[in-house]
Amino acid sequence: LFSLFFSATELDCCVIPVRNNLKLIQTTDFFYANIDDPYTMECALKAGTSVRGGQTTYNPWVLIGGAATAVVPDSEYIMPTQSKPGDVLVLTKPLGTQLAVTAYNWMKDQSDTWKEKCTPRITEEKMASLYNAATLSMARLNRYAAKLMHIHGARACTDVTGFGALGHARNLAAVQTAEVTFEIDRLPCLEGAYQLSKALAAKHHLDTALTPETSGGLLIAIPEEKAVRYIKDLYELDGNQSWIVGRVISAPTPADARTARLSTNLEIIEVPHDSVV
């Protein structure tokens, strides 16, 4: 999540030293709303903040976003650089959110793409269920997932959004201190999303792990012996599943150092819609 004077990376948060051994941490993001009901965007209070005067603007299109800023001591944030061989990679939300929203809009518009490519893969009823599950997933905060990282000794983390799971894994691997390789061997996808992606061009297939997500989960490098407890504790706090999706290994060759890749034995996990709460 954080970048401390790293250059040529695509991590989207900065860590800036200020006075008294404190750090200013900030990220900014804006995008067009991709759901119909603006009320489902209301997460500010749950996140421990609020929308105040001076933070809103008039615009002819619905736009959502903002800047998140914190000033904290070193003990309250985790730099993304300390993964070690033997760590595992945990993903805290399923994939397929952006695809679900896009396909749902195609269905509403009865577009040619929906009629010609999607209808052989999914019914309108299942498409609506997939969309609802994606909306619930996007509305779920990463707050508990982030807090538990401190308790369970997480060593690196990134969110999974516009670059997809593999894209963000590559960005995270690139800033590791150790010469490691991230290998992803499982991809949890909202039920139906993987098969739906296969109806589209190859670049949209979920098994590339490069398809964009909206409000995705965290991809966390954590000691293997602590991962199961982390997943259990997170489920007890917010009722949602997380998955061990890969591992951190010693780079097999110098060229593999600080890179990420998909396993040749990649497994797709279908995540039931009713498990997303």
C-alpha atoms as a PDB file:
ATOM      1  CA  LEU A   1       0.000   0.000   0.000  1.00  0.00           C
ATOM      2  CA  PHE A   2       2.825   2.388   0.782  1.00  0.00           C
ATOM      3  CA  SER A   3       5.711   3.862  -1.154  1.00  0.00           C
ATOM      4  CA  LEU A   4       8.602   5.542   0.675  1.00  0.00           C
ATOM      5  CA  PHE A   5      10.521   7.432  -2.008  1.00  0.00           C
ATOM      6  CA  PHE A   6      10.356   4.440  -4.360  1.00  0.00           C
ATOM      7  CA  SER A   7      10.560   5.451  -8.001  1.00  0.00           C
ATOM      8  CA  ALA A   8       9.200   3.727 -11.098  1.00  0.00           C
ATOM      9  CA  THR A   9       6.603   1.761  -9.156  1.00  0.00           C
ATOM     10  CA  GLU A  10       2.842   1.863  -9.312  1.00  0.00           C
ATOM     11  CA  LEU A  11       2.093   1.636  -5.612  1.00  0.00           C
ATOM     12  CA  ASP A  12      -0.538   4.252  -4.978  1.00  0.00           C
ATOM     13  CA  CYS A  13       0.232   5.467  -1.462  1.00  0.00           C
ATOM     14  CA  CYS A  14       3.092   7.640  -0.218  1.00  0.00           C
ATOM     15  CA  VAL A  15       4.887   7.701   3.141  1.00  0.00           C
ATOM     16  CA  ILE A  16       6.527  11.052   3.889  1.00  0.00           C
ATOM     17  CA  PRO A  17       8.666  11.713   7.005  1.00  0.00           C
ATOM     18  CA  VAL A  18       7.547  14.716   9.048  1.00  0.00           C
ATOM     19  CA  ARG A  19       8.618  16.027  12.442  1.00  0.00           C
ATOM     20  CA  ASN A  20       8.979  14.117  15.724  1.00  0.00           C
ATOM     21  CA  ASN A  21       9.553  10.718  14.063  1.00  0.00           C
ATOM     22  CA  LEU A  22       6.083  10.754  12.533  1.00  0.00           C
ATOM     23  CA  LYS A  23       5.122   9.847   8.978  1.00  0.00           C
ATOM     24  CA  LEU A  24       2.444  11.387   6.782  1.00  0.00           C
ATOM     25  CA  ILE A  25       0.675   8.672   4.794  1.00  0.00           C
ATOM     26  CA  GLN A  26      -1.616   9.634   1.953  1.00  0.00           C
ATOM     27  CA  THR A  27      -3.462   8.180  -0.999  1.00  0.00           C
ATOM     28  CA  THR A  28      -5.864   9.761  -3.486  1.00  0.00           C
ATOM     29  CA  ASP A  29      -8.314   8.048  -5.802  1.00  0.00           C
ATOM     30  CA  PHE A  30     -11.318   9.073  -7.899  1.00  0.00           C
ATOM     31  CA  PHE A  31     -13.486   7.152 -10.331  1.00  0.00           C
ATOM     32  CA  TYR A  32     -16.921   7.196 -11.890  1.00  0.00           C
ATOM     33  CA  ALA A  33     -19.600   5.472  -9.853  1.00  0.00           C
ATOM     34  CA  ASN A  34     -20.264   1.992 -11.215  1.00  0.00           C
ATOM     35  CA  ILE A  35     -23.471   1.149  -9.344  1.00  0.00           C
ATOM     36  CA  ASP A  36     -27.004   2.519  -9.475  1.00  0.00           C
ATOM     37  CA  ASP A  37     -27.649   3.175  -5.792  1.00  0.00           C
ATOM     38  CA  PRO A  38     -25.451   5.908  -4.280  1.00  0.00           C
ATOM     39  CA  TYR A  39     -26.600   4.917  -0.793  1.00  0.00           C
ATOM     40  CA  THR A  40     -24.576   1.722  -1.038  1.00  0.00           C
ATOM     41  CA  MET A  41     -21.479   3.933  -1.244  1.00  0.00           C
ATOM     42  CA  GLU A  42     -22.018   5.170   2.324  1.00  0.00           C
ATOM     43  CA  CYS A  43     -18.994   3.775   4.171  1.00  0.00           C
ATOM     44  CA  ALA A  44     -17.435   6.929   5.610  1.00  0.00           C
ATOM     45  CA  LEU A  45     -18.826   6.447   9.120  1.00  0.00           C
ATOM     46  CA  LYS A  46     -17.875   2.763   9.186  1.00  0.00           C
ATOM     47  CA  ALA A  47     -14.361   3.774   8.174  1.00  0.00           C
ATOM     48  CA  GLY A  48     -14.137   6.105  11.173  1.00  0.00           C
ATOM     49  CA  THR A  49     -14.365   9.345   9.227  1.00  0.00           C
ATOM     50  CA  SER A  50     -16.980  11.636   7.690  1.00  0.00           C
ATOM     51  CA  VAL A  51     -17.577  13.829   4.660  1.00  0.00           C
ATOM     52  CA  ARG A  52     -17.047  17.414   5.786  1.00  0.00           C
ATOM     53  CA  GLY A  53     -17.479  20.815   4.188  1.00  0.00           C
ATOM     54  CA  GLY A  54     -14.998  21.608   1.450  1.00  0.00           C
ATOM     55  CA  GLN A  55     -14.794  17.981   0.339  1.00  0.00           C
ATOM     56  CA  THR A  56     -17.657  18.067  -2.136  1.00  0.00           C
ATOM     57  CA  THR A  57     -18.056  19.576  -5.574  1.00  0.00           C
ATOM     58  CA  TYR A  58     -20.738  19.894  -8.248  1.00  0.00           C
ATOM     59  CA  ASN A  59     -20.183  17.823 -11.354  1.00  0.00           C
ATOM     60  CA  PRO A  60     -22.402  16.861 -14.297  1.00  0.00           C
ATOM     61  CA  TRP A  61     -21.407  13.199 -13.776  1.00  0.00           C
ATOM     62  CA  VAL A  62     -21.538  11.163 -10.593  1.00  0.00           C
ATOM     63  CA  LEU A  63     -17.955  10.938  -9.345  1.00  0.00           C
ATOM     64  CA  ILE A  64     -16.729   9.341  -6.140  1.00  0.00           C
ATOM     65  CA  GLY A  65     -13.347   9.445  -4.463  1.00  0.00           C
ATOM     66  CA  GLY A  66     -11.191  11.447  -2.139  1.00  0.00           C
ATOM     67  CA  ALA A  67      -7.905  11.730  -0.311  1.00  0.00           C
ATOM     68  CA  ALA A  68      -7.108   9.640   2.753  1.00  0.00           C
ATOM     69  CA  THR A  69      -4.451  11.085   5.060  1.00  0.00           C
ATOM     70  CA  ALA A  70      -2.950   9.926   8.348  1.00  0.00           C
ATOM     71  CA  VAL A  71      -0.045  11.076  10.507  1.00  0.00           C
ATOM     72  CA  VAL A  72       1.260   8.144  12.545  1.00  0.00           C
ATOM     73  CA  PRO A  73       4.351   6.776  14.304  1.00  0.00           C
ATOM     74  CA  ASP A  74       6.306   3.930  12.738  1.00  0.00           C
ATOM     75  CA  SER A  75       4.541   1.333  14.886  1.00  0.00           C
ATOM     76  CA  GLU A  76       1.174   2.027  13.257  1.00  0.00           C
ATOM     77  CA  TYR A  77       1.933   1.226   9.629  1.00  0.00           C
ATOM     78  CA  ILE A  78       3.543  -1.635   7.743  1.00  0.00           C
ATOM     79  CA  MET A  79       5.977  -0.947   4.929  1.00  0.00           C
ATOM     80  CA  PRO A  80       5.490  -3.316   1.975  1.00  0.00           C
ATOM     81  CA  THR A  81       9.076  -4.491   1.688  1.00  0.00           C
ATOM     82  CA  GLN A  82       9.794  -7.242   4.213  1.00  0.00           C
ATOM     83  CA  SER A  83       8.403 -10.519   2.835  1.00  0.00           C
ATOM     84  CA  LYS A  84      10.561 -13.617   3.275  1.00  0.00           C
ATOM     85  CA  PRO A  85      10.795 -17.030   1.610  1.00  0.00           C
ATOM     86  CA  GLY A  86       8.259 -19.292   3.284  1.00  0.00           C
ATOM     87  CA  ASP A  87       5.627 -16.594   3.696  1.00  0.00           C
ATOM     88  CA  VAL A  88       2.246 -17.179   2.086  1.00  0.00           C
ATOM     89  CA  LEU A  89       0.025 -14.777   0.176  1.00  0.00           C
ATOM     90  CA  VAL A  90      -3.478 -14.172   1.531  1.00  0.00           C
ATOM     91  CA  LEU A  91      -6.260 -12.513  -0.484  1.00  0.00           C
ATOM     92  CA  THR A  92      -9.150 -11.042   1.494  1.00  0.00           C
ATOM     93  CA  LYS A  93     -11.810 -10.571  -1.230  1.00  0.00           C
ATOM     94  CA  PRO A  94     -12.850 -12.585  -4.295  1.00  0.00           C
ATOM     95  CA  LEU A  95     -12.121 -11.421  -7.824  1.00  0.00           C
ATOM     96  CA  GLY A  96     -14.616 -10.509 -10.524  1.00  0.00           C
ATOM     97  CA  THR A  97     -16.205  -7.299  -9.219  1.00  0.00           C
ATOM     98  CA  GLN A  98     -15.512  -5.040 -12.188  1.00  0.00           C
ATOM     99  CA  LEU A  99     -16.503  -7.719 -14.675  1.00  0.00           C
ATOM    100  CA  ALA A 100     -19.759  -8.279 -12.777  1.00  0.00           C
ATOM    101  CA  VAL A 101     -20.669  -4.592 -12.867  1.00  0.00           C
ATOM    102  CA  THR A 102     -19.765  -4.191 -16.532  1.00  0.00           C
ATOM    103  CA  ALA A 103     -21.695  -7.282 -17.617  1.00  0.00           C
ATOM    104  CA  TYR A 104     -24.700  -6.220 -15.531  1.00  0.00           C
ATOM    105  CA  ASN A 105     -24.796  -2.901 -17.386  1.00  0.00           C
ATOM    106  CA  TRP A 106     -24.582  -4.769 -20.689  1.00  0.00           C
ATOM    107  CA  MET A 107     -27.563  -6.836 -19.561  1.00  0.00           C
ATOM    108  CA  LYS A 108     -29.595  -3.762 -18.582  1.00  0.00           C
ATOM    109  CA  ASP A 109     -28.893  -2.164 -21.953  1.00  0.00           C
ATOM    110  CA  GLN A 110     -29.465  -5.450 -23.797  1.00  0.00           C
ATOM    111  CA  SER A 111     -26.297  -4.683 -25.719  1.00  0.00           C
ATOM    112  CA  ASP A 112     -24.977  -6.831 -28.546  1.00  0.00           C
ATOM    113  CA  THR A 113     -22.129  -7.958 -26.294  1.00  0.00           C
ATOM    114  CA  TRP A 114     -24.628  -9.246 -23.747  1.00  0.00           C
ATOM    115  CA  LYS A 115     -26.824 -10.977 -26.311  1.00  0.00           C
ATOM    116  CA  GLU A 116     -24.066 -12.511 -28.413  1.00  0.00           C
ATOM    117  CA  LYS A 117     -21.350 -13.308 -25.875  1.00  0.00           C
ATOM    118  CA  CYS A 118     -22.780 -13.383 -22.362  1.00  0.00           C
ATOM    119  CA  THR A 119     -26.175 -15.070 -22.645  1.00  0.00           C
ATOM    120  CA  PRO A 120     -24.647 -18.441 -23.626  1.00  0.00           C
ATOM    121  CA  ARG A 121     -22.653 -18.287 -20.369  1.00  0.00           C
ATOM    122  CA  ILE A 122     -25.032 -16.881 -17.756  1.00  0.00           C
ATOM    123  CA  THR A 123     -28.757 -16.288 -17.207  1.00  0.00           C
ATOM    124  CA  GLU A 124     -30.195 -12.906 -16.273  1.00  0.00           C
ATOM    125  CA  GLU A 125     -31.132 -14.253 -12.840  1.00  0.00           C
ATOM    126  CA  LYS A 126     -27.595 -15.432 -12.134  1.00  0.00           C
ATOM    127  CA  MET A 127     -26.189 -12.199 -13.544  1.00  0.00           C
ATOM    128  CA  ALA A 128     -28.281 -10.190 -11.077  1.00  0.00           C
ATOM    129  CA  SER A 129     -27.076 -12.416  -8.230  1.00  0.00           C
ATOM    130  CA  LEU A 130     -23.449 -11.979  -9.329  1.00  0.00           C
ATOM    131  CA  TYR A 131     -23.912  -8.208  -9.473  1.00  0.00           C
ATOM    132  CA  ASN A 132     -25.425  -8.100  -5.982  1.00  0.00           C
ATOM    133  CA  ALA A 133     -22.551 -10.173  -4.573  1.00  0.00           C
ATOM    134  CA  ALA A 134     -20.031  -7.877  -6.263  1.00  0.00           C
ATOM    135  CA  THR A 135     -21.762  -4.823  -4.789  1.00  0.00           C
ATOM    136  CA  LEU A 136     -21.608  -6.300  -1.290  1.00  0.00           C
ATOM    137  CA  SER A 137     -17.944  -7.142  -1.761  1.00  0.00           C
ATOM    138  CA  MET A 138     -17.088  -3.646  -2.993  1.00  0.00           C
ATOM    139  CA  ALA A 139     -18.956  -2.045  -0.084  1.00  0.00           C
ATOM    140  CA  ARG A 140     -17.005  -4.100   2.462  1.00  0.00           C
ATOM    141  CA  LEU A 141     -14.197  -2.153   4.097  1.00  0.00           C
ATOM    142  CA  ASN A 142     -10.627  -3.448   4.331  1.00  0.00           C
ATOM    143  CA  ARG A 143     -10.456  -1.966   7.821  1.00  0.00           C
ATOM    144  CA  TYR A 144     -10.463  -5.212   9.822  1.00  0.00           C
ATOM    145  CA  ALA A 145      -8.157  -6.912   7.339  1.00  0.00           C
ATOM    146  CA  ALA A 146      -5.637  -4.101   7.779  1.00  0.00           C
ATOM    147  CA  LYS A 147      -5.863  -4.040  11.572  1.00  0.00           C
ATOM    148  CA  LEU A 148      -5.289  -7.782  11.862  1.00  0.00           C
ATOM    149  CA  MET A 149      -2.100  -7.462   9.821  1.00  0.00           C
ATOM    150  CA  HIS A 150      -0.436  -5.860  12.846  1.00  0.00           C
ATOM    151  CA  ILE A 151      -1.575  -8.603  15.203  1.00  0.00           C
ATOM    152  CA  HIS A 152      -0.420 -11.457  12.969  1.00  0.00           C
ATOM    153  CA  GLY A 153       2.899 -10.065  11.773  1.00  0.00           C
ATOM    154  CA  ALA A 154       2.188  -9.316   8.120  1.00  0.00           C
ATOM    155  CA  ARG A 155       5.334  -8.377   6.221  1.00  0.00           C
ATOM    156  CA  ALA A 156       3.978  -6.789   3.032  1.00  0.00           C
ATOM    157  CA  CYS A 157       0.642  -5.803   1.541  1.00  0.00           C
ATOM    158  CA  THR A 158      -1.059  -4.198  -1.426  1.00  0.00           C
ATOM    159  CA  ASP A 159      -4.655  -3.641  -2.376  1.00  0.00           C
ATOM    160  CA  VAL A 160      -5.979  -5.390  -5.490  1.00  0.00           C
ATOM    161  CA  THR A 161      -7.656  -2.892  -7.786  1.00  0.00           C
ATOM    162  CA  GLY A 162      -6.931  -1.579 -11.271  1.00  0.00           C
ATOM    163  CA  PHE A 163      -3.917  -3.744 -12.141  1.00  0.00           C
ATOM    164  CA  GLY A 164      -5.545  -7.027 -11.120  1.00  0.00           C
ATOM    165  CA  ALA A 165      -4.177  -9.553  -8.634  1.00  0.00           C
ATOM    166  CA  LEU A 166      -1.042 -10.376 -10.616  1.00  0.00           C
ATOM    167  CA  GLY A 167      -0.394  -6.766 -11.595  1.00  0.00           C
ATOM    168  CA  HIS A 168      -0.452  -5.620  -7.990  1.00  0.00           C
ATOM    169  CA  ALA A 169       1.570  -8.664  -6.905  1.00  0.00           C
ATOM    170  CA  ARG A 170       4.236  -7.633  -9.413  1.00  0.00           C
ATOM    171  CA  ASN A 171       4.289  -4.088  -8.093  1.00  0.00           C
ATOM    172  CA  LEU A 172       4.603  -5.375  -4.537  1.00  0.00           C
ATOM    173  CA  ALA A 173       7.290  -7.919  -5.392  1.00  0.00           C
ATOM    174  CA  ALA A 174       9.333  -5.208  -7.113  1.00  0.00           C
ATOM    175  CA  VAL A 175       9.963  -3.359  -3.835  1.00  0.00           C
ATOM    176  CA  GLN A 176      10.941  -6.315  -1.645  1.00  0.00           C
ATOM    177  CA  THR A 177      14.238  -6.134   0.230  1.00  0.00           C
ATOM    178  CA  ALA A 178      14.919  -9.862  -0.187  1.00  0.00           C
ATOM    179  CA  GLU A 179      15.431 -11.550  -3.556  1.00  0.00           C
ATOM    180  CA  VAL A 180      12.082 -13.313  -3.633  1.00  0.00           C
ATOM    181  CA  THR A 181       9.465 -14.405  -6.139  1.00  0.00           C
ATOM    182  CA  PHE A 182       5.725 -14.269  -5.511  1.00  0.00           C
ATOM    183  CA  GLU A 183       3.896 -17.271  -6.962  1.00  0.00           C
ATOM    184  CA  ILE A 184       0.091 -17.268  -7.132  1.00  0.00           C
ATOM    185  CA  ASP A 185      -1.541 -20.694  -7.396  1.00  0.00           C
ATOM    186  CA  ARG A 186      -5.204 -20.013  -6.544  1.00  0.00           C
ATOM    187  CA  LEU A 187      -7.674 -17.378  -7.711  1.00  0.00           C
ATOM    188  CA  PRO A 188     -10.967 -17.082  -5.781  1.00  0.00           C
ATOM    189  CA  CYS A 189     -13.595 -15.655  -8.145  1.00  0.00           C
ATOM    190  CA  LEU A 190     -17.227 -14.797  -7.558  1.00  0.00           C
ATOM    191  CA  GLU A 191     -19.286 -17.735  -8.775  1.00  0.00           C
ATOM    192  CA  GLY A 192     -19.991 -17.430 -12.486  1.00  0.00           C
ATOM    193  CA  ALA A 193     -17.506 -14.628 -13.104  1.00  0.00           C
ATOM    194  CA  TYR A 194     -14.720 -16.867 -14.395  1.00  0.00           C
ATOM    195  CA  GLN A 195     -16.911 -18.578 -16.990  1.00  0.00           C
ATOM    196  CA  LEU A 196     -18.365 -15.205 -17.960  1.00  0.00           C
ATOM    197  CA  SER A 197     -14.876 -13.806 -18.534  1.00  0.00           C
ATOM    198  CA  LYS A 198     -14.169 -16.622 -20.986  1.00  0.00           C
ATOM    199  CA  ALA A 199     -16.839 -15.185 -23.287  1.00  0.00           C
ATOM    200  CA  LEU A 200     -14.705 -12.081 -23.792  1.00  0.00           C
ATOM    201  CA  ALA A 201     -11.318 -11.319 -25.330  1.00  0.00           C
ATOM    202  CA  ALA A 202      -8.357 -13.105 -23.738  1.00  0.00           C
ATOM    203  CA  LYS A 203      -7.160  -9.978 -21.919  1.00  0.00           C
ATOM    204  CA  HIS A 204     -10.400 -10.015 -19.892  1.00  0.00           C
ATOM    205  CA  HIS A 205     -10.087 -13.629 -18.720  1.00  0.00           C
ATOM    206  CA  LEU A 206      -9.942 -13.817 -14.934  1.00  0.00           C
ATOM    207  CA  ASP A 207      -7.292 -16.529 -15.026  1.00  0.00           C
ATOM    208  CA  THR A 208      -4.809 -13.952 -16.335  1.00  0.00           C
ATOM    209  CA  ALA A 209      -5.140 -12.244 -12.918  1.00  0.00           C
ATOM    210  CA  LEU A 210      -4.678  -8.950 -14.759  1.00  0.00           C
ATOM    211  CA  THR A 211      -8.324  -7.922 -15.016  1.00  0.00           C
ATOM    212  CA  PRO A 212      -9.124  -4.786 -12.997  1.00  0.00           C
ATOM    213  CA  GLU A 213     -11.046  -4.920  -9.742  1.00  0.00           C
ATOM    214  CA  THR A 214     -12.979  -2.161  -8.013  1.00  0.00           C
ATOM    215  CA  SER A 215     -12.652  -1.880  -4.225  1.00  0.00           C
ATOM    216  CA  GLY A 216     -10.815  -5.183  -4.129  1.00  0.00           C
ATOM    217  CA  GLY A 217      -9.291  -6.907  -1.154  1.00  0.00           C
ATOM    218  CA  LEU A 218      -5.793  -6.938   0.290  1.00  0.00           C
ATOM    219  CA  LEU A 219      -3.015  -9.215  -0.934  1.00  0.00           C
ATOM    220  CA  ILE A 220      -0.874  -9.863   2.118  1.00  0.00           C
ATOM    221  CA  ALA A 221       2.475 -11.600   2.615  1.00  0.00           C
ATOM    222  CA  ILE A 222       2.337 -13.204   6.053  1.00  0.00           C
ATOM    223  CA  PRO A 223       4.254 -15.965   7.876  1.00  0.00           C
ATOM    224  CA  GLU A 224       2.741 -19.322   6.953  1.00  0.00           C
ATOM    225  CA  GLU A 225       2.231 -20.362  10.562  1.00  0.00           C
ATOM    226  CA  LYS A 226       0.093 -17.260  11.197  1.00  0.00           C
ATOM    227  CA  ALA A 227      -1.997 -17.262   8.033  1.00  0.00           C
ATOM    228  CA  VAL A 228      -4.709 -19.699   9.117  1.00  0.00           C
ATOM    229  CA  ARG A 229      -5.314 -17.797  12.341  1.00  0.00           C
ATOM    230  CA  TYR A 230      -5.410 -14.505  10.433  1.00  0.00           C
ATOM    231  CA  ILE A 231      -8.082 -15.883   8.091  1.00  0.00           C
ATOM    232  CA  LYS A 232     -10.093 -17.265  11.019  1.00  0.00           C
ATOM    233  CA  ASP A 233      -9.930 -14.000  12.966  1.00  0.00           C
ATOM    234  CA  LEU A 234     -10.995 -11.959   9.945  1.00  0.00           C
ATOM    235  CA  TYR A 235     -13.965 -14.255   9.338  1.00  0.00           C
ATOM    236  CA  GLU A 236     -15.041 -13.861  12.964  1.00  0.00           C
ATOM    237  CA  LEU A 237     -14.892 -10.063  12.661  1.00  0.00           C
ATOM    238  CA  ASP A 238     -16.787  -9.529   9.410  1.00  0.00           C
ATOM    239  CA  GLY A 239     -18.156 -12.908   8.307  1.00  0.00           C
ATOM    240  CA  ASN A 240     -16.311 -13.106   4.987  1.00  0.00           C
ATOM    241  CA  GLN A 241     -13.869 -15.621   3.598  1.00  0.00           C
ATOM    242  CA  SER A 242     -10.198 -15.074   2.814  1.00  0.00           C
ATOM    243  CA  TRP A 243      -7.848 -17.453   1.017  1.00  0.00           C
ATOM    244  CA  ILE A 244      -4.219 -18.484   0.892  1.00  0.00           C
ATOM    245  CA  VAL A 245      -3.588 -17.864  -2.806  1.00  0.00           C
ATOM    246  CA  GLY A 246       0.161 -18.247  -3.164  1.00  0.00           C
ATOM    247  CA  ARG A 247       3.574 -18.252  -1.593  1.00  0.00           C
ATOM    248  CA  VAL A 248       6.802 -16.320  -1.359  1.00  0.00           C
ATOM    249  CA  ILE A 249       9.826 -18.303  -2.528  1.00  0.00           C
ATOM    250  CA  SER A 250      13.522 -17.621  -2.960  1.00  0.00           C
ATOM    251  CA  ALA A 251      14.069 -16.317  -6.470  1.00  0.00           C
ATOM    252  CA  PRO A 252      15.163 -19.311  -8.606  1.00  0.00           C
ATOM    253  CA  THR A 253      17.418 -17.078 -10.728  1.00  0.00           C
ATOM    254  CA  PRO A 254      18.593 -13.453 -10.524  1.00  0.00           C
ATOM    255  CA  ALA A 255      16.121 -12.614 -13.292  1.00  0.00           C
ATOM    256  CA  ASP A 256      13.261 -13.913 -11.125  1.00  0.00           C
ATOM    257  CA  ALA A 257      14.144 -11.714  -8.147  1.00  0.00           C
ATOM    258  CA  ARG A 258      11.383  -9.328  -7.108  1.00  0.00           C
ATOM    259  CA  THR A 259       8.909 -10.631  -9.654  1.00  0.00           C
ATOM    260  CA  ALA A 260       5.500 -12.287  -9.450  1.00  0.00           C
ATOM    261  CA  ARG A 261       4.029 -15.063 -11.560  1.00  0.00           C
ATOM    262  CA  LEU A 262       1.117 -17.469 -11.854  1.00  0.00           C
ATOM    263  CA  SER A 263       1.642 -21.131 -11.048  1.00  0.00           C
ATOM    264  CA  THR A 264       1.431 -23.598 -13.918  1.00  0.00           C
ATOM    265  CA  ASN A 265      -1.111 -25.459 -11.743  1.00  0.00           C
ATOM    266  CA  LEU A 266      -3.407 -22.490 -11.203  1.00  0.00           C
ATOM    267  CA  GLU A 267      -6.673 -23.321  -9.405  1.00  0.00           C
ATOM    268  CA  ILE A 268      -9.874 -21.308  -9.846  1.00  0.00           C
ATOM    269  CA  ILE A 269     -12.083 -21.210  -6.737  1.00  0.00           C
ATOM    270  CA  GLU A 270     -15.781 -20.471  -7.277  1.00  0.00           C
ATOM    271  CA  VAL A 271     -17.001 -18.305  -4.379  1.00  0.00           C
ATOM    272  CA  PRO A 272     -20.759 -18.671  -3.676  1.00  0.00           C
ATOM    273  CA  HIS A 273     -22.675 -15.409  -3.804  1.00  0.00           C
ATOM    274  CA  ASP A 274     -24.382 -16.034  -0.462  1.00  0.00           C
ATOM    275  CA  SER A 275     -20.989 -16.234   1.271  1.00  0.00           C
ATOM    276  CA  VAL A 276     -20.392 -12.520   0.589  1.00  0.00           C
ATOM    277  CA  VAL A 277     -21.992 -10.471   3.356  1.00  0.00           C
END
